Amino acid sequence: MVCIDELNYEILLSKATYKDCSKFIRSKFKETYIIEPGFKLFDAYIIGVPPIYVAVADDTVVFPYTKPCHGTFVLSIHSPEGAAKLRKIGKPA
Protein backbone atom coordinates (compact mmCIF):
# COMPACT_ATOMS: atom_id res chain seq x y z
CA MET A 1 0.00 0.00 0.00
CA VAL A 2 1.28 3.44 -0.90
CA CYS A 3 1.36 6.42 1.43
CA ILE A 4 -0.29 9.56 0.04
CA ASP A 5 2.78 11.51 1.17
CA GLU A 6 4.80 9.59 -1.44
CA LEU A 7 2.63 10.94 -4.28
CA ASN A 8 2.99 14.26 -6.03
CA TYR A 9 -0.11 16.10 -4.82
CA GLU A 10 -1.35 19.65 -4.49
CA ILE A 11 -3.36 20.81 -1.47
CA LEU A 12 -6.42 22.79 -2.58
CA LEU A 13 -8.03 23.16 0.85
CA SER A 14 -6.49 22.36 4.22
CA LYS A 15 -7.54 21.67 7.79
CA ALA A 16 -11.23 21.79 6.92
CA THR A 17 -14.22 19.79 8.04
CA TYR A 18 -15.32 16.89 5.91
CA LYS A 19 -18.52 18.79 5.11
CA ASP A 20 -16.49 21.81 3.95
CA CYS A 21 -14.40 19.58 1.70
CA SER A 22 -17.53 18.13 0.09
CA LYS A 23 -18.95 21.61 -0.50
CA PHE A 24 -15.64 22.79 -1.96
CA ILE A 25 -15.43 19.91 -4.44
CA ARG A 26 -19.06 20.23 -5.55
CA SER A 27 -18.81 24.00 -6.02
CA LYS A 28 -15.46 24.15 -7.84
CA PHE A 29 -15.65 21.21 -10.25
CA LYS A 30 -18.17 20.22 -12.93
CA GLU A 31 -17.27 16.55 -13.23
CA THR A 32 -18.02 15.12 -9.80
CA TYR A 33 -18.66 11.59 -8.61
CA ILE A 34 -19.84 9.92 -5.44
CA ILE A 35 -17.83 7.02 -4.04
CA GLU A 36 -18.38 4.78 -1.06
CA PRO A 37 -16.08 4.76 1.98
CA GLY A 38 -13.28 2.27 1.39
CA PHE A 39 -12.98 3.07 -2.34
CA LYS A 40 -9.40 2.27 -3.35
CA LEU A 41 -7.64 5.10 -5.16
CA PHE A 42 -3.87 5.37 -5.65
CA ASP A 43 -3.53 2.12 -3.69
CA ALA A 44 -4.98 3.90 -0.64
CA TYR A 45 -8.46 3.59 0.81
CA ILE A 46 -10.57 6.75 0.89
CA ILE A 47 -12.49 7.09 4.15
CA GLY A 48 -15.07 9.59 5.24
CA VAL A 49 -18.69 10.37 5.88
CA PRO A 50 -20.91 9.37 2.94
CA PRO A 51 -21.57 10.66 0.44
CA ILE A 52 -17.93 11.13 -0.50
CA TYR A 53 -17.56 13.57 -3.38
CA VAL A 54 -14.57 13.38 -5.71
CA ALA A 55 -13.93 15.25 -8.94
CA VAL A 56 -12.07 14.81 -12.19
CA ALA A 57 -10.59 17.73 -14.11
CA ASP A 58 -8.97 16.49 -17.31
CA ASP A 59 -6.59 13.81 -15.97
CA THR A 60 -6.45 15.16 -12.42
CA VAL A 61 -8.32 13.60 -9.52
CA VAL A 62 -9.58 15.82 -6.68
CA PHE A 63 -10.63 14.13 -3.44
CA PRO A 64 -10.92 14.60 0.32
CA TYR A 65 -8.24 12.99 2.43
CA THR A 66 -8.14 12.75 6.21
CA LYS A 67 -4.82 12.52 8.03
CA PRO A 68 -5.19 11.57 11.67
CA CYS A 69 -4.10 14.40 13.96
CA HIS A 70 -3.87 16.81 11.00
CA GLY A 71 -7.45 17.11 9.74
CA THR A 72 -9.12 16.77 6.37
CA PHE A 73 -7.72 18.18 3.14
CA VAL A 74 -8.79 18.41 -0.49
CA LEU A 75 -5.95 17.05 -2.60
CA SER A 76 -5.43 16.94 -6.35
CA ILE A 77 -3.21 14.41 -8.08
CA HIS A 78 -2.53 14.18 -11.79
CA SER A 79 -3.44 10.60 -12.66
CA PRO A 80 -4.92 9.50 -16.00
CA GLU A 81 -5.45 6.03 -14.51
CA GLY A 82 -7.26 7.37 -11.45
CA ALA A 83 -9.43 9.66 -13.59
CA ALA A 84 -10.37 6.75 -15.87
CA LYS A 85 -11.23 4.57 -12.87
CA LEU A 86 -13.54 7.23 -11.41
CA ARG A 87 -15.23 7.79 -14.75
CA LYS A 88 -15.84 4.06 -15.05
CA ILE A 89 -16.82 3.16 -11.46
CA GLY A 90 -17.89 6.40 -9.74
CA LYS A 91 -21.54 7.37 -9.50
CA PRO A 92 -22.09 10.75 -11.21
CA ALA A 93 -23.11 13.38 -8.65
PDB file of N, CA and C in Angstrom:
ATOM      1  N   MET A   1       0.839  -1.170   0.000  1.00  0.00           N
ATOM      2  CA  MET A   1       0.000   0.000   0.000  1.00  0.00           C
ATOM      3  C   MET A   1       0.890   1.242   0.000  1.00  0.00           C
ATOM      4  N   VAL A   2       0.501   2.221  -0.772  1.00  0.00           N
ATOM      5  CA  VAL A   2       1.277   3.443  -0.904  1.00  0.00           C
ATOM      6  C   VAL A   2       0.805   4.475   0.129  1.00  0.00           C
ATOM      7  N   CYS A   3       1.700   5.316   0.541  1.00  0.00           N
ATOM      8  CA  CYS A   3       1.362   6.425   1.428  1.00  0.00           C
ATOM      9  C   CYS A   3       1.101   7.647   0.549  1.00  0.00           C
ATOM     10  N   ILE A   4       0.042   8.367   0.823  1.00  0.00           N
ATOM     11  CA  ILE A   4      -0.292   9.556   0.038  1.00  0.00           C
ATOM     12  C   ILE A   4       0.879  10.531   0.020  1.00  0.00           C
ATOM     13  N   ASP A   5       1.641  10.601   1.110  1.00  0.00           N
ATOM     14  CA  ASP A   5       2.784  11.513   1.168  1.00  0.00           C
ATOM     15  C   ASP A   5       3.844  11.198   0.116  1.00  0.00           C
ATOM     16  N   GLU A   6       3.833   9.984  -0.415  1.00  0.00           N
ATOM     17  CA  GLU A   6       4.800   9.594  -1.437  1.00  0.00           C
ATOM     18  C   GLU A   6       4.377  10.038  -2.839  1.00  0.00           C
ATOM     19  N   LEU A   7       3.143  10.517  -2.981  1.00  0.00           N
ATOM     20  CA  LEU A   7       2.629  10.940  -4.280  1.00  0.00           C
ATOM     21  C   LEU A   7       2.826  12.438  -4.458  1.00  0.00           C
ATOM     22  N   ASN A   8       2.844  12.854  -5.701  1.00  0.00           N
ATOM     23  CA  ASN A   8       2.994  14.264  -6.034  1.00  0.00           C
ATOM     24  C   ASN A   8       1.602  14.900  -6.038  1.00  0.00           C
ATOM     25  N   TYR A   9       1.223  15.528  -4.932  1.00  0.00           N
ATOM     26  CA  TYR A   9      -0.111  16.100  -4.821  1.00  0.00           C
ATOM     27  C   TYR A   9      -0.043  17.600  -4.581  1.00  0.00           C
ATOM     28  N   GLU A  10      -1.196  18.237  -4.794  1.00  0.00           N
ATOM     29  CA  GLU A  10      -1.347  19.652  -4.488  1.00  0.00           C
ATOM     30  C   GLU A  10      -2.489  19.772  -3.476  1.00  0.00           C
ATOM     31  N   ILE A  11      -2.317  20.579  -2.456  1.00  0.00           N
ATOM     32  CA  ILE A  11      -3.361  20.813  -1.468  1.00  0.00           C
ATOM     33  C   ILE A  11      -4.205  21.995  -1.946  1.00  0.00           C
ATOM     34  N   LEU A  12      -5.506  21.740  -2.138  1.00  0.00           N
ATOM     35  CA  LEU A  12      -6.423  22.788  -2.581  1.00  0.00           C
ATOM     36  C   LEU A  12      -7.171  23.434  -1.417  1.00  0.00           C
ATOM     37  N   LEU A  13      -7.362  22.668  -0.343  1.00  0.00           N
ATOM     38  CA  LEU A  13      -8.033  23.159   0.855  1.00  0.00           C
ATOM     39  C   LEU A  13      -7.454  22.381   2.032  1.00  0.00           C
ATOM     40  N   SER A  14      -7.119  23.072   3.108  1.00  0.00           N
ATOM     41  CA  SER A  14      -6.485  22.360   4.224  1.00  0.00           C
ATOM     42  C   SER A  14      -7.208  22.594   5.542  1.00  0.00           C
ATOM     43  N   LYS A  15      -7.028  21.614   6.430  1.00  0.00           N
ATOM     44  CA  LYS A  15      -7.543  21.672   7.790  1.00  0.00           C
ATOM     45  C   LYS A  15      -8.999  22.115   7.836  1.00  0.00           C
ATOM     46  N   ALA A  16      -9.808  21.470   7.026  1.00  0.00           N
ATOM     47  CA  ALA A  16     -11.232  21.789   6.918  1.00  0.00           C
ATOM     48  C   ALA A  16     -12.056  20.643   7.488  1.00  0.00           C
ATOM     49  N   THR A  17     -13.340  20.879   7.648  1.00  0.00           N
ATOM     50  CA  THR A  17     -14.218  19.787   8.043  1.00  0.00           C
ATOM     51  C   THR A  17     -14.522  18.953   6.803  1.00  0.00           C
ATOM     52  N   TYR A  18     -14.976  17.749   7.043  1.00  0.00           N
ATOM     53  CA  TYR A  18     -15.319  16.894   5.906  1.00  0.00           C
ATOM     54  C   TYR A  18     -16.449  17.519   5.092  1.00  0.00           C
ATOM     55  N   LYS A  19     -17.400  18.130   5.783  1.00  0.00           N
ATOM     56  CA  LYS A  19     -18.522  18.795   5.110  1.00  0.00           C
ATOM     57  C   LYS A  19     -18.015  19.940   4.228  1.00  0.00           C
ATOM     58  N   ASP A  20     -17.068  20.715   4.741  1.00  0.00           N
ATOM     59  CA  ASP A  20     -16.490  21.810   3.951  1.00  0.00           C
ATOM     60  C   ASP A  20     -15.773  21.287   2.712  1.00  0.00           C
ATOM     61  N   CYS A  21     -15.091  20.168   2.847  1.00  0.00           N
ATOM     62  CA  CYS A  21     -14.396  19.577   1.696  1.00  0.00           C
ATOM     63  C   CYS A  21     -15.395  19.152   0.630  1.00  0.00           C
ATOM     64  N   SER A  22     -16.492  18.542   1.047  1.00  0.00           N
ATOM     65  CA  SER A  22     -17.530  18.128   0.092  1.00  0.00           C
ATOM     66  C   SER A  22     -18.108  19.334  -0.631  1.00  0.00           C
ATOM     67  N   LYS A  23     -18.410  20.389   0.108  1.00  0.00           N
ATOM     68  CA  LYS A  23     -18.949  21.609  -0.505  1.00  0.00           C
ATOM     69  C   LYS A  23     -17.952  22.212  -1.489  1.00  0.00           C
ATOM     70  N   PHE A  24     -16.689  22.241  -1.103  1.00  0.00           N
ATOM     71  CA  PHE A  24     -15.643  22.792  -1.964  1.00  0.00           C
ATOM     72  C   PHE A  24     -15.579  22.039  -3.284  1.00  0.00           C
ATOM     73  N   ILE A  25     -15.535  20.722  -3.223  1.00  0.00           N
ATOM     74  CA  ILE A  25     -15.430  19.906  -4.435  1.00  0.00           C
ATOM     75  C   ILE A  25     -16.648  20.107  -5.329  1.00  0.00           C
ATOM     76  N   ARG A  26     -17.836  20.074  -4.753  1.00  0.00           N
ATOM     77  CA  ARG A  26     -19.056  20.229  -5.554  1.00  0.00           C
ATOM     78  C   ARG A  26     -19.168  21.613  -6.172  1.00  0.00           C
ATOM     79  N   SER A  27     -18.664  22.640  -5.500  1.00  0.00           N
ATOM     80  CA  SER A  27     -18.805  23.998  -6.017  1.00  0.00           C
ATOM     81  C   SER A  27     -17.735  24.389  -7.033  1.00  0.00           C
ATOM     82  N   LYS A  28     -16.573  23.750  -6.985  1.00  0.00           N
ATOM     83  CA  LYS A  28     -15.456  24.152  -7.839  1.00  0.00           C
ATOM     84  C   LYS A  28     -15.275  23.302  -9.102  1.00  0.00           C
ATOM     85  N   PHE A  29     -15.897  22.133  -9.142  1.00  0.00           N
ATOM     86  CA  PHE A  29     -15.648  21.211 -10.251  1.00  0.00           C
ATOM     87  C   PHE A  29     -16.943  20.717 -10.870  1.00  0.00           C
ATOM     88  N   LYS A  30     -16.966  20.664 -12.205  1.00  0.00           N
ATOM     89  CA  LYS A  30     -18.165  20.224 -12.929  1.00  0.00           C
ATOM     90  C   LYS A  30     -18.313  18.714 -12.939  1.00  0.00           C
ATOM     91  N   GLU A  31     -17.221  18.015 -13.118  1.00  0.00           N
ATOM     92  CA  GLU A  31     -17.267  16.554 -13.234  1.00  0.00           C
ATOM     93  C   GLU A  31     -17.036  15.937 -11.853  1.00  0.00           C
ATOM     94  N   THR A  32     -18.127  15.669 -11.151  1.00  0.00           N
ATOM     95  CA  THR A  32     -18.023  15.123  -9.802  1.00  0.00           C
ATOM     96  C   THR A  32     -18.681  13.751  -9.728  1.00  0.00           C
ATOM     97  N   TYR A  33     -18.174  12.955  -8.819  1.00  0.00           N
ATOM     98  CA  TYR A  33     -18.663  11.593  -8.612  1.00  0.00           C
ATOM     99  C   TYR A  33     -18.833  11.343  -7.126  1.00  0.00           C
ATOM    100  N   ILE A  34     -19.665  10.364  -6.815  1.00  0.00           N
ATOM    101  CA  ILE A  34     -19.837   9.920  -5.438  1.00  0.00           C
ATOM    102  C   ILE A  34     -19.229   8.526  -5.332  1.00  0.00           C
ATOM    103  N   ILE A  35     -18.414   8.336  -4.303  1.00  0.00           N
ATOM    104  CA  ILE A  35     -17.828   7.018  -4.044  1.00  0.00           C
ATOM    105  C   ILE A  35     -18.191   6.592  -2.633  1.00  0.00           C
ATOM    106  N   GLU A  36     -18.100   5.320  -2.382  1.00  0.00           N
ATOM    107  CA  GLU A  36     -18.382   4.777  -1.059  1.00  0.00           C
ATOM    108  C   GLU A  36     -17.105   4.786  -0.213  1.00  0.00           C
ATOM    109  N   PRO A  37     -17.255   4.884   1.112  1.00  0.00           N
ATOM    110  CA  PRO A  37     -16.078   4.763   1.981  1.00  0.00           C
ATOM    111  C   PRO A  37     -15.368   3.433   1.705  1.00  0.00           C
ATOM    112  N   GLY A  38     -14.061   3.472   1.679  1.00  0.00           N
ATOM    113  CA  GLY A  38     -13.278   2.271   1.393  1.00  0.00           C
ATOM    114  C   GLY A  38     -12.903   2.136  -0.075  1.00  0.00           C
ATOM    115  N   PHE A  39     -13.350   3.085  -0.922  1.00  0.00           N
ATOM    116  CA  PHE A  39     -12.983   3.075  -2.339  1.00  0.00           C
ATOM    117  C   PHE A  39     -11.458   3.163  -2.435  1.00  0.00           C
ATOM    118  N   LYS A  40     -10.861   2.304  -3.232  1.00  0.00           N
ATOM    119  CA  LYS A  40      -9.400   2.270  -3.349  1.00  0.00           C
ATOM    120  C   LYS A  40      -8.961   3.162  -4.505  1.00  0.00           C
ATOM    121  N   LEU A  41      -8.146   4.148  -4.187  1.00  0.00           N
ATOM    122  CA  LEU A  41      -7.640   5.099  -5.159  1.00  0.00           C
ATOM    123  C   LEU A  41      -6.171   5.332  -4.848  1.00  0.00           C
ATOM    124  N   PHE A  42      -5.315   5.212  -5.827  1.00  0.00           N
ATOM    125  CA  PHE A  42      -3.865   5.369  -5.646  1.00  0.00           C
ATOM    126  C   PHE A  42      -3.326   4.360  -4.635  1.00  0.00           C
ATOM    127  N   ASP A  43      -3.921   3.193  -4.607  1.00  0.00           N
ATOM    128  CA  ASP A  43      -3.526   2.121  -3.693  1.00  0.00           C
ATOM    129  C   ASP A  43      -3.715   2.517  -2.234  1.00  0.00           C
ATOM    130  N   ALA A  44      -4.616   3.476  -1.991  1.00  0.00           N
ATOM    131  CA  ALA A  44      -4.981   3.898  -0.637  1.00  0.00           C
ATOM    132  C   ALA A  44      -6.502   3.878  -0.552  1.00  0.00           C
ATOM    133  N   TYR A  45      -7.027   3.622   0.625  1.00  0.00           N
ATOM    134  CA  TYR A  45      -8.465   3.589   0.811  1.00  0.00           C
ATOM    135  C   TYR A  45      -8.956   4.963   1.247  1.00  0.00           C
ATOM    136  N   ILE A  46      -9.987   5.459   0.556  1.00  0.00           N
ATOM    137  CA  ILE A  46     -10.571   6.748   0.890  1.00  0.00           C
ATOM    138  C   ILE A  46     -11.646   6.514   1.954  1.00  0.00           C
ATOM    139  N   ILE A  47     -11.524   7.221   3.067  1.00  0.00           N
ATOM    140  CA  ILE A  47     -12.494   7.089   4.146  1.00  0.00           C
ATOM    141  C   ILE A  47     -13.202   8.412   4.334  1.00  0.00           C
ATOM    142  N   GLY A  48     -14.348   8.360   4.961  1.00  0.00           N
ATOM    143  CA  GLY A  48     -15.069   9.589   5.243  1.00  0.00           C
ATOM    144  C   GLY A  48     -16.537   9.331   5.452  1.00  0.00           C
ATOM    145  N   VAL A  49     -17.259  10.419   5.641  1.00  0.00           N
ATOM    146  CA  VAL A  49     -18.686  10.372   5.877  1.00  0.00           C
ATOM    147  C   VAL A  49     -19.402  10.406   4.522  1.00  0.00           C
ATOM    148  N   PRO A  50     -20.199   9.376   4.224  1.00  0.00           N
ATOM    149  CA  PRO A  50     -20.910   9.375   2.943  1.00  0.00           C
ATOM    150  C   PRO A  50     -21.943  10.505   2.878  1.00  0.00           C
ATOM    151  N   PRO A  51     -22.208  11.019   1.705  1.00  0.00           N
ATOM    152  CA  PRO A  51     -21.571  10.664   0.444  1.00  0.00           C
ATOM    153  C   PRO A  51     -20.202  11.326   0.325  1.00  0.00           C
ATOM    154  N   ILE A  52     -19.264  10.599  -0.273  1.00  0.00           N
ATOM    155  CA  ILE A  52     -17.925  11.128  -0.498  1.00  0.00           C
ATOM    156  C   ILE A  52     -17.861  11.645  -1.932  1.00  0.00           C
ATOM    157  N   TYR A  53     -17.640  12.947  -2.063  1.00  0.00           N
ATOM    158  CA  TYR A  53     -17.556  13.570  -3.383  1.00  0.00           C
ATOM    159  C   TYR A  53     -16.108  13.645  -3.828  1.00  0.00           C
ATOM    160  N   VAL A  54     -15.878  13.250  -5.068  1.00  0.00           N
ATOM    161  CA  VAL A  54     -14.574  13.380  -5.712  1.00  0.00           C
ATOM    162  C   VAL A  54     -14.817  14.031  -7.068  1.00  0.00           C
ATOM    163  N   ALA A  55     -13.776  14.584  -7.646  1.00  0.00           N
ATOM    164  CA  ALA A  55     -13.929  15.252  -8.937  1.00  0.00           C
ATOM    165  C   ALA A  55     -12.796  14.848  -9.872  1.00  0.00           C
ATOM    166  N   VAL A  56     -13.081  15.024 -11.154  1.00  0.00           N
ATOM    167  CA  VAL A  56     -12.072  14.808 -12.185  1.00  0.00           C
ATOM    168  C   VAL A  56     -12.025  16.069 -13.027  1.00  0.00           C
ATOM    169  N   ALA A  57     -10.824  16.583 -13.237  1.00  0.00           N
ATOM    170  CA  ALA A  57     -10.592  17.735 -14.108  1.00  0.00           C
ATOM    171  C   ALA A  57      -9.492  17.321 -15.078  1.00  0.00           C
ATOM    172  N   ASP A  58      -9.880  17.065 -16.315  1.00  0.00           N
ATOM    173  CA  ASP A  58      -8.968  16.493 -17.313  1.00  0.00           C
ATOM    174  C   ASP A  58      -8.446  15.163 -16.777  1.00  0.00           C
ATOM    175  N   ASP A  59      -7.166  15.053 -16.505  1.00  0.00           N
ATOM    176  CA  ASP A  59      -6.590  13.812 -15.970  1.00  0.00           C
ATOM    177  C   ASP A  59      -6.164  13.965 -14.513  1.00  0.00           C
ATOM    178  N   THR A  60      -6.762  14.914 -13.821  1.00  0.00           N
ATOM    179  CA  THR A  60      -6.446  15.161 -12.421  1.00  0.00           C
ATOM    180  C   THR A  60      -7.621  14.741 -11.548  1.00  0.00           C
ATOM    181  N   VAL A  61      -7.312  14.060 -10.466  1.00  0.00           N
ATOM    182  CA  VAL A  61      -8.319  13.600  -9.516  1.00  0.00           C
ATOM    183  C   VAL A  61      -8.281  14.510  -8.287  1.00  0.00           C
ATOM    184  N   VAL A  62      -9.454  14.947  -7.843  1.00  0.00           N
ATOM    185  CA  VAL A  62      -9.584  15.816  -6.677  1.00  0.00           C
ATOM    186  C   VAL A  62     -10.424  15.068  -5.651  1.00  0.00           C
ATOM    187  N   PHE A  63      -9.930  14.956  -4.428  1.00  0.00           N
ATOM    188  CA  PHE A  63     -10.626  14.135  -3.444  1.00  0.00           C
ATOM    189  C   PHE A  63     -10.306  14.601  -2.024  1.00  0.00           C
ATOM    190  N   PRO A  64     -11.202  14.277  -1.079  1.00  0.00           N
ATOM    191  CA  PRO A  64     -10.916  14.597   0.323  1.00  0.00           C
ATOM    192  C   PRO A  64     -10.018  13.529   0.916  1.00  0.00           C
ATOM    193  N   TYR A  65      -9.136  13.947   1.784  1.00  0.00           N
ATOM    194  CA  TYR A  65      -8.242  12.994   2.429  1.00  0.00           C
ATOM    195  C   TYR A  65      -8.046  13.413   3.875  1.00  0.00           C
ATOM    196  N   THR A  66      -8.281  12.478   4.782  1.00  0.00           N
ATOM    197  CA  THR A  66      -8.142  12.752   6.209  1.00  0.00           C
ATOM    198  C   THR A  66      -6.851  12.140   6.728  1.00  0.00           C
ATOM    199  N   LYS A  67      -6.040  12.976   7.362  1.00  0.00           N
ATOM    200  CA  LYS A  67      -4.819  12.520   8.026  1.00  0.00           C
ATOM    201  C   LYS A  67      -5.057  12.622   9.520  1.00  0.00           C
ATOM    202  N   PRO A  68      -4.996  11.507  10.223  1.00  0.00           N
ATOM    203  CA  PRO A  68      -5.192  11.571  11.671  1.00  0.00           C
ATOM    204  C   PRO A  68      -4.268  12.612  12.307  1.00  0.00           C
ATOM    205  N   CYS A  69      -4.807  13.348  13.214  1.00  0.00           N
ATOM    206  CA  CYS A  69      -4.102  14.402  13.960  1.00  0.00           C
ATOM    207  C   CYS A  69      -3.811  15.655  13.127  1.00  0.00           C
ATOM    208  N   HIS A  70      -4.153  15.653  11.842  1.00  0.00           N
ATOM    209  CA  HIS A  70      -3.875  16.815  11.001  1.00  0.00           C
ATOM    210  C   HIS A  70      -5.136  17.394  10.368  1.00  0.00           C
ATOM    211  N   GLY A  71      -6.201  16.618  10.306  1.00  0.00           N
ATOM    212  CA  GLY A  71      -7.448  17.106   9.738  1.00  0.00           C
ATOM    213  C   GLY A  71      -7.703  16.581   8.335  1.00  0.00           C
ATOM    214  N   THR A  72      -8.697  17.183   7.702  1.00  0.00           N
ATOM    215  CA  THR A  72      -9.117  16.766   6.367  1.00  0.00           C
ATOM    216  C   THR A  72      -8.694  17.814   5.350  1.00  0.00           C
ATOM    217  N   PHE A  73      -8.233  17.338   4.212  1.00  0.00           N
ATOM    218  CA  PHE A  73      -7.719  18.180   3.136  1.00  0.00           C
ATOM    219  C   PHE A  73      -8.426  17.825   1.833  1.00  0.00           C
ATOM    220  N   VAL A  74      -8.414  18.727   0.889  1.00  0.00           N
ATOM    221  CA  VAL A  74      -8.786  18.406  -0.492  1.00  0.00           C
ATOM    222  C   VAL A  74      -7.474  18.379  -1.266  1.00  0.00           C
ATOM    223  N   LEU A  75      -7.183  17.228  -1.850  1.00  0.00           N
ATOM    224  CA  LEU A  75      -5.952  17.047  -2.605  1.00  0.00           C
ATOM    225  C   LEU A  75      -6.260  16.873  -4.080  1.00  0.00           C
ATOM    226  N   SER A  76      -5.325  17.242  -4.922  1.00  0.00           N
ATOM    227  CA  SER A  76      -5.428  16.945  -6.353  1.00  0.00           C
ATOM    228  C   SER A  76      -4.146  16.232  -6.772  1.00  0.00           C
ATOM    229  N   ILE A  77      -4.332  15.191  -7.573  1.00  0.00           N
ATOM    230  CA  ILE A  77      -3.207  14.406  -8.080  1.00  0.00           C
ATOM    231  C   ILE A  77      -3.437  14.147  -9.552  1.00  0.00           C
ATOM    232  N   HIS A  78      -2.449  14.478 -10.365  1.00  0.00           N
ATOM    233  CA  HIS A  78      -2.532  14.183 -11.793  1.00  0.00           C
ATOM    234  C   HIS A  78      -2.398  12.672 -11.975  1.00  0.00           C
ATOM    235  N   SER A  79      -3.450  12.052 -12.496  1.00  0.00           N
ATOM    236  CA  SER A  79      -3.440  10.605 -12.661  1.00  0.00           C
ATOM    237  C   SER A  79      -4.448  10.188 -13.728  1.00  0.00           C
ATOM    238  N   PRO A  80      -4.002   9.984 -14.967  1.00  0.00           N
ATOM    239  CA  PRO A  80      -4.922   9.503 -15.998  1.00  0.00           C
ATOM    240  C   PRO A  80      -5.603   8.195 -15.608  1.00  0.00           C
ATOM    241  N   GLU A  81      -4.865   7.310 -14.922  1.00  0.00           N
ATOM    242  CA  GLU A  81      -5.450   6.026 -14.506  1.00  0.00           C
ATOM    243  C   GLU A  81      -6.540   6.231 -13.455  1.00  0.00           C
ATOM    244  N   GLY A  82      -6.273   7.082 -12.487  1.00  0.00           N
ATOM    245  CA  GLY A  82      -7.264   7.368 -11.446  1.00  0.00           C
ATOM    246  C   GLY A  82      -8.501   8.043 -12.021  1.00  0.00           C
ATOM    247  N   ALA A  83      -8.298   8.980 -12.953  1.00  0.00           N
ATOM    248  CA  ALA A  83      -9.433   9.659 -13.590  1.00  0.00           C
ATOM    249  C   ALA A  83     -10.278   8.665 -14.368  1.00  0.00           C
ATOM    250  N   ALA A  84      -9.641   7.766 -15.099  1.00  0.00           N
ATOM    251  CA  ALA A  84     -10.371   6.752 -15.867  1.00  0.00           C
ATOM    252  C   ALA A  84     -11.152   5.829 -14.947  1.00  0.00           C
ATOM    253  N   LYS A  85     -10.558   5.454 -13.829  1.00  0.00           N
ATOM    254  CA  LYS A  85     -11.233   4.570 -12.868  1.00  0.00           C
ATOM    255  C   LYS A  85     -12.483   5.246 -12.308  1.00  0.00           C
ATOM    256  N   LEU A  86     -12.376   6.514 -11.934  1.00  0.00           N
ATOM    257  CA  LEU A  86     -13.538   7.230 -11.408  1.00  0.00           C
ATOM    258  C   LEU A  86     -14.627   7.378 -12.461  1.00  0.00           C
ATOM    259  N   ARG A  87     -14.243   7.656 -13.686  1.00  0.00           N
ATOM    260  CA  ARG A  87     -15.232   7.792 -14.753  1.00  0.00           C
ATOM    261  C   ARG A  87     -15.963   6.473 -15.008  1.00  0.00           C
ATOM    262  N   LYS A  88     -15.256   5.383 -14.799  1.00  0.00           N
ATOM    263  CA  LYS A  88     -15.845   4.062 -15.045  1.00  0.00           C
ATOM    264  C   LYS A  88     -16.680   3.561 -13.865  1.00  0.00           C
ATOM    265  N   ILE A  89     -16.192   3.762 -12.640  1.00  0.00           N
ATOM    266  CA  ILE A  89     -16.815   3.159 -11.464  1.00  0.00           C
ATOM    267  C   ILE A  89     -17.613   4.144 -10.629  1.00  0.00           C
ATOM    268  N   GLY A  90     -17.218   5.413 -10.590  1.00  0.00           N
ATOM    269  CA  GLY A  90     -17.886   6.400  -9.737  1.00  0.00           C
ATOM    270  C   GLY A  90     -19.309   6.681 -10.173  1.00  0.00           C
ATOM    271  N   LYS A  91     -20.148   7.010  -9.216  1.00  0.00           N
ATOM    272  CA  LYS A  91     -21.536   7.365  -9.496  1.00  0.00           C
ATOM    273  C   LYS A  91     -21.595   8.867  -9.752  1.00  0.00           C
ATOM    274  N   PRO A  92     -22.040   9.303 -10.941  1.00  0.00           N
ATOM    275  CA  PRO A  92     -22.092  10.746 -11.213  1.00  0.00           C
ATOM    276  C   PRO A  92     -22.925  11.484 -10.156  1.00  0.00           C
ATOM    277  N   ALA A  93     -22.407  12.608  -9.701  1.00  0.00           N
ATOM    278  CA  ALA A  93     -23.110  13.385  -8.654  1.00  0.00           C
ATOM    279  C   ALA A  93     -24.034  14.394  -9.306  1.00  0.00           C
TER     280      ALA A  93
END
